[in-house]
């Protein structure tokens, strides 16, 4: 399945992204099927070939939530923006306090 997603380029701590059509499960270093444009998070500038983006969406490529929101903001597609959930890493440490009803012993 094809997806329209972001491919990170740029230096350390200065990311910029390419908007590309690539296989959904491909590595980001793999060559994309087609390059549709670019996005710079520092200047918030979006450059996307709207006709090619619509072509790939018609062919069945699904944009990720972030790319969908960028396409809506640039005016390439219409509709509401999608909610993006950010997953936080879970702590693997044991809790510092004893469970309720038990007394922590210090021997």
Protein backbone atom coordinates (compact mmCIF):
# COMPACT_ATOMS: atom_id res chain seq x y z
CA UNK A 1 0.00 0.00 0.00
CA UNK A 2 1.28 3.43 -0.90
CA UNK A 3 1.34 6.31 1.56
CA UNK A 4 2.01 10.02 1.27
CA UNK A 5 4.39 10.75 4.12
CA UNK A 6 7.24 12.97 5.29
CA UNK A 7 10.87 12.07 4.68
CA UNK A 8 13.27 13.86 7.02
CA UNK A 9 16.23 15.67 5.52
CA UNK A 10 18.49 18.39 6.86
CA UNK A 11 21.12 18.77 9.55
CA UNK A 12 20.96 17.84 13.21
CA UNK A 13 18.51 20.03 15.10
CA UNK A 14 17.49 21.72 11.79
CA UNK A 15 14.99 19.35 10.23
CA UNK A 16 13.21 19.89 6.97
CA UNK A 17 11.01 17.38 5.25
CA UNK A 18 10.14 16.12 1.79
CA UNK A 19 6.55 15.16 1.06
CA UNK A 20 6.89 11.85 -0.78
CA UNK A 21 4.84 8.94 -2.07
CA UNK A 22 6.40 5.73 -0.78
CA UNK A 23 5.49 2.23 0.29
CA UNK A 24 3.74 2.35 3.68
CA UNK A 25 6.21 0.05 5.45
CA UNK A 26 9.38 1.17 3.69
CA UNK A 27 12.38 2.58 5.48
CA UNK A 28 12.72 6.35 5.29
CA UNK A 29 16.11 6.03 3.58
CA UNK A 30 14.57 3.99 0.76
CA UNK A 31 13.99 5.82 -2.51
CA UNK A 32 10.41 7.12 -2.78
CA UNK A 33 8.07 6.52 -5.70
CA UNK A 34 7.66 10.27 -6.25
CA UNK A 35 8.67 13.51 -4.55
CA UNK A 36 5.65 15.84 -4.18
CA UNK A 37 7.13 18.82 -2.37
CA UNK A 38 8.70 20.03 0.85
CA UNK A 39 7.85 21.32 4.33
CA UNK A 40 9.97 23.44 6.64
CA UNK A 41 8.81 23.47 10.28
CA UNK A 42 10.88 26.56 11.11
CA UNK A 43 9.36 28.83 8.47
CA UNK A 44 6.07 26.84 8.31
CA UNK A 45 6.32 26.90 4.51
CA UNK A 46 4.63 24.15 2.54
CA UNK A 47 5.39 23.59 -1.14
CA UNK A 48 3.31 20.76 -2.62
CA UNK A 49 2.43 19.83 -6.20
CA UNK A 50 -1.35 19.77 -5.67
CA UNK A 51 -2.25 18.02 -8.92
CA UNK A 52 0.18 15.16 -8.28
CA UNK A 53 -0.99 14.83 -4.66
CA UNK A 54 -4.61 14.54 -5.83
CA UNK A 55 -3.55 12.04 -8.52
CA UNK A 56 -1.92 9.76 -5.95
CA UNK A 57 -4.87 10.06 -3.55
CA UNK A 58 -7.20 9.02 -6.39
CA UNK A 59 -4.91 6.03 -7.10
CA UNK A 60 -5.27 4.88 -3.48
CA UNK A 61 -2.31 6.40 -1.65
CA UNK A 62 -3.32 7.44 1.85
CA UNK A 63 -1.70 10.47 3.47
CA UNK A 64 -0.53 10.19 7.07
CA UNK A 65 -2.35 12.38 9.60
CA UNK A 66 0.40 15.01 9.56
CA UNK A 67 0.57 15.14 5.76
CA UNK A 68 -3.24 15.28 5.57
CA UNK A 69 -3.20 18.35 7.85
CA UNK A 70 -0.45 19.95 5.73
CA UNK A 71 -2.44 19.32 2.54
CA UNK A 72 -5.55 20.87 4.11
CA UNK A 73 -3.53 23.89 5.26
CA UNK A 74 -1.96 24.36 1.81
CA UNK A 75 -5.36 24.07 0.12
CA UNK A 76 -4.59 20.93 -1.90
CA UNK A 77 -7.52 19.05 -0.35
CA UNK A 78 -10.58 20.20 1.55
CA UNK A 79 -12.02 18.86 4.75
CA UNK A 80 -11.37 18.94 8.47
CA UNK A 81 -7.95 18.38 9.96
CA UNK A 82 -7.24 15.06 11.69
CA UNK A 83 -6.31 14.78 15.35
CA UNK A 84 -2.72 13.67 15.91
CA UNK A 85 -1.99 11.64 19.02
CA UNK A 86 1.48 11.81 20.48
CA UNK A 87 2.48 8.65 22.32
CA UNK A 88 4.54 9.14 25.47
CA UNK A 89 7.13 6.60 26.52
CA UNK A 90 6.04 4.55 29.51
CA UNK A 91 8.28 4.40 32.53
CA UNK A 92 9.67 0.93 33.29
CA UNK A 93 10.66 1.80 36.85
CA UNK A 94 8.87 0.24 39.83
CA UNK A 95 6.66 2.56 41.87
CA UNK A 96 8.45 4.25 44.78
CA UNK A 97 5.61 3.73 47.26
CA UNK A 98 4.11 0.52 48.55
CA UNK A 99 0.60 -0.45 47.39
CA UNK A 100 -2.32 0.63 49.57
CA UNK A 101 -2.83 -1.55 52.65
CA UNK A 102 0.79 -2.73 52.85
CA UNK A 103 3.58 -1.30 54.95
CA UNK A 104 6.95 -0.79 53.32
CA UNK A 105 9.66 -2.33 55.47
CA UNK A 106 13.21 -1.11 55.56
CA UNK A 107 15.46 -3.85 56.88
